[in-house]
Amino acid sequence: MNKEISAVEASNLRKNNEEVLFLDVREDSELEICSIADALHIPMNSIPERCEALPLDRPLVVFCHHGMRSMNVLLYLESRGFENVINMGGGIHAWATEVDPSVGKY
């Protein structure tokens, strides 16, 4: 599986596969500014104690503001045995720019 996809590819994946779970690893303060509907929110620093709650059998599209933290989360989850993790390159900023202009930018 490709480790990184664009926001447009993530949107298409979500439209075509109801199993896809979006995982927002931004901080609470960032979530207050903007979010993607129905995304699961677990701040990056909470992933180690909460990763066992994540499904192993569904594709996980991880995102943050621009894609750096989410790539670190992807690498961490892979080290814990997850094989279903994809990073959304460009993060929520790319989503707001390329997919849904109603999502705020910061």
N, C-alpha and C. Protein backbone atom coordinates (compact mmCIF):
# COMPACT_ATOMS: atom_id res chain seq x y z
N MET A 1 0.84 -1.18 0.00
CA MET A 1 0.00 0.00 0.00
C MET A 1 0.89 1.25 0.00
N ASN A 2 0.51 2.21 -0.81
CA ASN A 2 1.25 3.47 -0.85
C ASN A 2 1.16 4.14 0.52
N LYS A 3 2.29 4.65 1.02
CA LYS A 3 2.29 5.26 2.35
C LYS A 3 1.73 6.67 2.36
N GLU A 4 1.71 7.35 1.21
CA GLU A 4 1.21 8.72 1.19
C GLU A 4 0.36 8.94 -0.04
N ILE A 5 -0.78 9.60 0.18
CA ILE A 5 -1.66 9.97 -0.93
C ILE A 5 -2.01 11.45 -0.78
N SER A 6 -2.49 12.03 -1.87
CA SER A 6 -2.89 13.44 -1.85
C SER A 6 -4.25 13.57 -1.18
N ALA A 7 -4.62 14.80 -0.87
CA ALA A 7 -5.94 15.06 -0.29
C ALA A 7 -7.05 14.62 -1.24
N VAL A 8 -6.87 14.87 -2.53
CA VAL A 8 -7.88 14.47 -3.52
C VAL A 8 -7.99 12.94 -3.56
N GLU A 9 -6.85 12.25 -3.53
CA GLU A 9 -6.88 10.78 -3.51
C GLU A 9 -7.54 10.27 -2.23
N ALA A 10 -7.27 10.95 -1.11
CA ALA A 10 -7.89 10.54 0.16
C ALA A 10 -9.41 10.73 0.10
N SER A 11 -9.84 11.83 -0.48
CA SER A 11 -11.27 12.09 -0.63
C SER A 11 -11.93 11.02 -1.49
N ASN A 12 -11.30 10.68 -2.60
CA ASN A 12 -11.83 9.63 -3.48
C ASN A 12 -11.86 8.28 -2.78
N LEU A 13 -10.81 7.98 -2.02
CA LEU A 13 -10.75 6.72 -1.29
C LEU A 13 -11.91 6.65 -0.29
N ARG A 14 -12.15 7.76 0.38
CA ARG A 14 -13.22 7.82 1.37
C ARG A 14 -14.59 7.66 0.71
N LYS A 15 -14.78 8.27 -0.45
CA LYS A 15 -16.07 8.16 -1.16
C LYS A 15 -16.33 6.74 -1.64
N ASN A 16 -15.26 6.03 -2.02
CA ASN A 16 -15.41 4.72 -2.63
C ASN A 16 -15.24 3.55 -1.67
N ASN A 17 -14.92 3.83 -0.40
CA ASN A 17 -14.70 2.75 0.55
C ASN A 17 -15.19 3.19 1.93
N GLU A 18 -16.37 2.70 2.31
CA GLU A 18 -16.94 3.12 3.58
C GLU A 18 -16.15 2.62 4.78
N GLU A 19 -15.22 1.71 4.57
CA GLU A 19 -14.37 1.19 5.65
C GLU A 19 -13.27 2.17 6.06
N VAL A 20 -12.95 3.13 5.18
CA VAL A 20 -11.84 4.05 5.44
C VAL A 20 -12.14 4.90 6.68
N LEU A 21 -11.15 4.97 7.56
CA LEU A 21 -11.26 5.79 8.76
C LEU A 21 -10.22 6.91 8.68
N PHE A 22 -10.66 8.15 8.79
CA PHE A 22 -9.75 9.30 8.84
C PHE A 22 -9.34 9.51 10.30
N LEU A 23 -8.05 9.66 10.53
CA LEU A 23 -7.51 9.86 11.87
C LEU A 23 -6.79 11.21 11.92
N ASP A 24 -7.35 12.12 12.68
CA ASP A 24 -6.81 13.48 12.85
C ASP A 24 -5.90 13.48 14.07
N VAL A 25 -4.60 13.74 13.88
CA VAL A 25 -3.65 13.69 14.99
C VAL A 25 -3.22 15.09 15.45
N ARG A 26 -4.00 16.11 15.06
CA ARG A 26 -3.69 17.48 15.48
C ARG A 26 -4.12 17.69 16.94
N GLU A 27 -3.68 18.81 17.50
CA GLU A 27 -4.03 19.16 18.88
C GLU A 27 -5.47 19.66 18.96
N ASP A 28 -6.03 19.64 20.17
CA ASP A 28 -7.40 20.11 20.39
C ASP A 28 -7.59 21.54 19.89
N SER A 29 -6.60 22.39 20.14
CA SER A 29 -6.72 23.80 19.73
C SER A 29 -6.81 23.93 18.21
N GLU A 30 -6.15 23.03 17.48
CA GLU A 30 -6.23 23.05 16.01
C GLU A 30 -7.59 22.55 15.55
N LEU A 31 -8.12 21.57 16.24
CA LEU A 31 -9.42 21.01 15.89
C LEU A 31 -10.52 22.06 16.02
N GLU A 32 -10.36 22.99 16.95
CA GLU A 32 -11.34 24.06 17.14
C GLU A 32 -11.38 25.00 15.93
N ILE A 33 -10.29 25.09 15.18
CA ILE A 33 -10.21 25.97 14.01
C ILE A 33 -10.91 25.34 12.81
N CYS A 34 -10.63 24.08 12.58
CA CYS A 34 -11.23 23.39 11.43
C CYS A 34 -11.10 21.88 11.62
N SER A 35 -11.94 21.15 10.91
CA SER A 35 -11.90 19.68 10.99
C SER A 35 -12.52 19.08 9.75
N ILE A 36 -12.31 17.78 9.59
CA ILE A 36 -12.93 17.00 8.52
C ILE A 36 -14.02 16.17 9.19
N ALA A 37 -15.22 16.25 8.66
CA ALA A 37 -16.38 15.56 9.25
C ALA A 37 -16.09 14.07 9.45
N ASP A 38 -16.50 13.56 10.59
CA ASP A 38 -16.44 12.13 10.94
C ASP A 38 -15.02 11.59 11.12
N ALA A 39 -14.02 12.45 11.17
CA ALA A 39 -12.66 11.97 11.43
C ALA A 39 -12.52 11.66 12.92
N LEU A 40 -11.82 10.58 13.23
CA LEU A 40 -11.50 10.25 14.60
C LEU A 40 -10.35 11.16 15.04
N HIS A 41 -10.47 11.77 16.21
CA HIS A 41 -9.43 12.69 16.68
C HIS A 41 -8.67 12.07 17.84
N ILE A 42 -7.37 11.82 17.62
CA ILE A 42 -6.47 11.40 18.69
C ILE A 42 -5.20 12.23 18.51
N PRO A 43 -4.93 13.19 19.40
CA PRO A 43 -3.71 13.99 19.26
C PRO A 43 -2.47 13.08 19.21
N MET A 44 -1.47 13.50 18.44
CA MET A 44 -0.27 12.69 18.22
C MET A 44 0.31 12.16 19.53
N ASN A 45 0.40 13.00 20.55
CA ASN A 45 1.02 12.57 21.81
C ASN A 45 0.21 11.51 22.54
N SER A 46 -1.05 11.34 22.17
CA SER A 46 -1.90 10.33 22.81
C SER A 46 -1.93 9.01 22.05
N ILE A 47 -1.34 8.98 20.88
CA ILE A 47 -1.38 7.76 20.05
C ILE A 47 -0.79 6.54 20.78
N PRO A 48 0.37 6.65 21.45
CA PRO A 48 0.92 5.44 22.10
C PRO A 48 -0.04 4.76 23.06
N GLU A 49 -0.76 5.52 23.89
CA GLU A 49 -1.67 4.87 24.83
C GLU A 49 -3.03 4.55 24.23
N ARG A 50 -3.33 5.08 23.05
CA ARG A 50 -4.65 4.83 22.47
C ARG A 50 -4.63 4.03 21.17
N CYS A 51 -3.45 3.65 20.69
CA CYS A 51 -3.39 2.99 19.38
C CYS A 51 -4.06 1.62 19.38
N GLU A 52 -4.16 0.97 20.53
CA GLU A 52 -4.83 -0.34 20.56
C GLU A 52 -6.31 -0.22 20.26
N ALA A 53 -6.86 0.99 20.36
CA ALA A 53 -8.27 1.21 20.04
C ALA A 53 -8.49 1.37 18.53
N LEU A 54 -7.41 1.52 17.78
CA LEU A 54 -7.53 1.70 16.33
C LEU A 54 -7.72 0.35 15.64
N PRO A 55 -8.54 0.32 14.59
CA PRO A 55 -8.78 -0.95 13.90
C PRO A 55 -7.59 -1.38 13.04
N LEU A 56 -7.28 -2.66 13.10
CA LEU A 56 -6.23 -3.22 12.25
C LEU A 56 -6.77 -3.63 10.88
N ASP A 57 -8.10 -3.74 10.77
CA ASP A 57 -8.71 -4.30 9.58
C ASP A 57 -9.38 -3.27 8.68
N ARG A 58 -9.15 -1.98 8.95
CA ARG A 58 -9.72 -0.92 8.11
C ARG A 58 -8.60 0.02 7.69
N PRO A 59 -8.68 0.56 6.46
CA PRO A 59 -7.66 1.55 6.06
C PRO A 59 -7.75 2.79 6.94
N LEU A 60 -6.60 3.25 7.42
CA LEU A 60 -6.50 4.46 8.24
C LEU A 60 -5.80 5.55 7.44
N VAL A 61 -6.48 6.66 7.21
CA VAL A 61 -5.86 7.81 6.55
C VAL A 61 -5.55 8.81 7.67
N VAL A 62 -4.25 8.98 7.93
CA VAL A 62 -3.81 9.84 9.03
C VAL A 62 -3.48 11.22 8.47
N PHE A 63 -3.90 12.27 9.20
CA PHE A 63 -3.57 13.62 8.75
C PHE A 63 -3.33 14.55 9.93
N CYS A 64 -2.61 15.61 9.65
CA CYS A 64 -2.38 16.68 10.63
C CYS A 64 -2.54 18.00 9.88
N HIS A 65 -1.74 19.01 10.22
CA HIS A 65 -1.87 20.30 9.54
C HIS A 65 -1.28 20.24 8.13
N HIS A 66 -0.04 19.80 8.02
CA HIS A 66 0.62 19.75 6.70
C HIS A 66 1.15 18.37 6.31
N GLY A 67 1.11 17.39 7.20
CA GLY A 67 1.50 16.02 6.85
C GLY A 67 2.76 15.50 7.50
N MET A 68 3.44 16.31 8.31
CA MET A 68 4.69 15.86 8.94
C MET A 68 4.39 15.01 10.19
N ARG A 69 3.58 15.52 11.09
CA ARG A 69 3.25 14.75 12.30
C ARG A 69 2.53 13.46 11.94
N SER A 70 1.64 13.53 10.97
CA SER A 70 0.89 12.32 10.59
C SER A 70 1.82 11.27 9.99
N MET A 71 2.88 11.69 9.28
CA MET A 71 3.85 10.70 8.77
C MET A 71 4.58 10.05 9.94
N ASN A 72 4.89 10.81 10.98
CA ASN A 72 5.53 10.22 12.17
C ASN A 72 4.59 9.23 12.84
N VAL A 73 3.30 9.56 12.89
CA VAL A 73 2.32 8.64 13.47
C VAL A 73 2.24 7.38 12.61
N LEU A 74 2.24 7.52 11.30
CA LEU A 74 2.22 6.37 10.39
C LEU A 74 3.39 5.45 10.71
N LEU A 75 4.59 6.01 10.81
CA LEU A 75 5.78 5.20 11.08
C LEU A 75 5.68 4.51 12.43
N TYR A 76 5.16 5.22 13.43
CA TYR A 76 4.97 4.62 14.75
C TYR A 76 3.97 3.46 14.67
N LEU A 77 2.83 3.70 14.04
CA LEU A 77 1.81 2.64 13.94
C LEU A 77 2.34 1.44 13.17
N GLU A 78 3.09 1.67 12.11
CA GLU A 78 3.69 0.55 11.38
C GLU A 78 4.61 -0.25 12.29
N SER A 79 5.36 0.43 13.16
CA SER A 79 6.25 -0.28 14.08
C SER A 79 5.47 -1.11 15.09
N ARG A 80 4.20 -0.78 15.27
CA ARG A 80 3.33 -1.52 16.19
C ARG A 80 2.49 -2.57 15.45
N GLY A 81 2.79 -2.82 14.18
CA GLY A 81 2.13 -3.88 13.45
C GLY A 81 1.00 -3.47 12.54
N PHE A 82 0.70 -2.18 12.45
CA PHE A 82 -0.35 -1.72 11.55
C PHE A 82 0.18 -1.74 10.11
N GLU A 83 -0.62 -2.34 9.22
CA GLU A 83 -0.23 -2.41 7.80
C GLU A 83 -1.20 -1.63 6.92
N ASN A 84 -2.14 -0.93 7.55
CA ASN A 84 -3.26 -0.32 6.83
C ASN A 84 -3.24 1.20 6.92
N VAL A 85 -2.06 1.81 7.18
CA VAL A 85 -1.99 3.24 7.45
C VAL A 85 -1.47 4.00 6.23
N ILE A 86 -2.14 5.10 5.90
CA ILE A 86 -1.77 5.95 4.77
C ILE A 86 -1.71 7.39 5.29
N ASN A 87 -0.68 8.11 4.91
CA ASN A 87 -0.56 9.52 5.27
C ASN A 87 -1.22 10.39 4.21
N MET A 88 -1.99 11.39 4.64
CA MET A 88 -2.54 12.35 3.69
C MET A 88 -1.54 13.50 3.56
N GLY A 89 -0.81 13.48 2.47
CA GLY A 89 0.19 14.51 2.22
C GLY A 89 -0.44 15.89 2.15
N GLY A 90 0.20 16.86 2.79
CA GLY A 90 -0.33 18.21 2.79
C GLY A 90 -1.34 18.47 3.88
N GLY A 91 -1.80 17.39 4.54
CA GLY A 91 -2.69 17.50 5.69
C GLY A 91 -4.00 18.21 5.41
N ILE A 92 -4.57 18.74 6.49
CA ILE A 92 -5.88 19.40 6.39
C ILE A 92 -5.77 20.68 5.55
N HIS A 93 -4.58 21.26 5.48
CA HIS A 93 -4.40 22.45 4.64
C HIS A 93 -4.65 22.09 3.17
N ALA A 94 -4.10 20.96 2.73
CA ALA A 94 -4.33 20.51 1.35
C ALA A 94 -5.80 20.15 1.14
N TRP A 95 -6.42 19.54 2.16
CA TRP A 95 -7.85 19.21 2.08
C TRP A 95 -8.67 20.47 1.85
N ALA A 96 -8.37 21.53 2.62
CA ALA A 96 -9.10 22.80 2.51
C ALA A 96 -8.84 23.46 1.16
N THR A 97 -7.65 23.28 0.60
CA THR A 97 -7.28 23.90 -0.66
C THR A 97 -7.82 23.13 -1.86
N GLU A 98 -7.73 21.79 -1.81
CA GLU A 98 -8.01 20.97 -2.99
C GLU A 98 -9.35 20.23 -2.96
N VAL A 99 -9.92 20.03 -1.78
CA VAL A 99 -11.13 19.19 -1.68
C VAL A 99 -12.34 19.97 -1.19
N ASP A 100 -12.20 20.65 -0.05
CA ASP A 100 -13.35 21.29 0.57
C ASP A 100 -12.99 22.70 1.05
N PRO A 101 -13.26 23.70 0.22
CA PRO A 101 -12.92 25.09 0.58
C PRO A 101 -13.67 25.62 1.80
N SER A 102 -14.70 24.91 2.26
CA SER A 102 -15.41 25.37 3.45
C SER A 102 -14.64 25.05 4.73
N VAL A 103 -13.63 24.19 4.61
CA VAL A 103 -12.78 23.87 5.76
C VAL A 103 -11.81 25.04 5.95
N GLY A 104 -11.73 25.54 7.16
CA GLY A 104 -10.86 26.68 7.44
C GLY A 104 -9.38 26.37 7.28
N LYS A 105 -8.61 27.43 7.10
CA LYS A 105 -7.15 27.30 7.00
C LYS A 105 -6.52 28.13 8.10
N TYR A 106 -5.34 27.69 8.51
CA TYR A 106 -4.58 28.43 9.52
C TYR A 106 -3.10 28.26 9.30
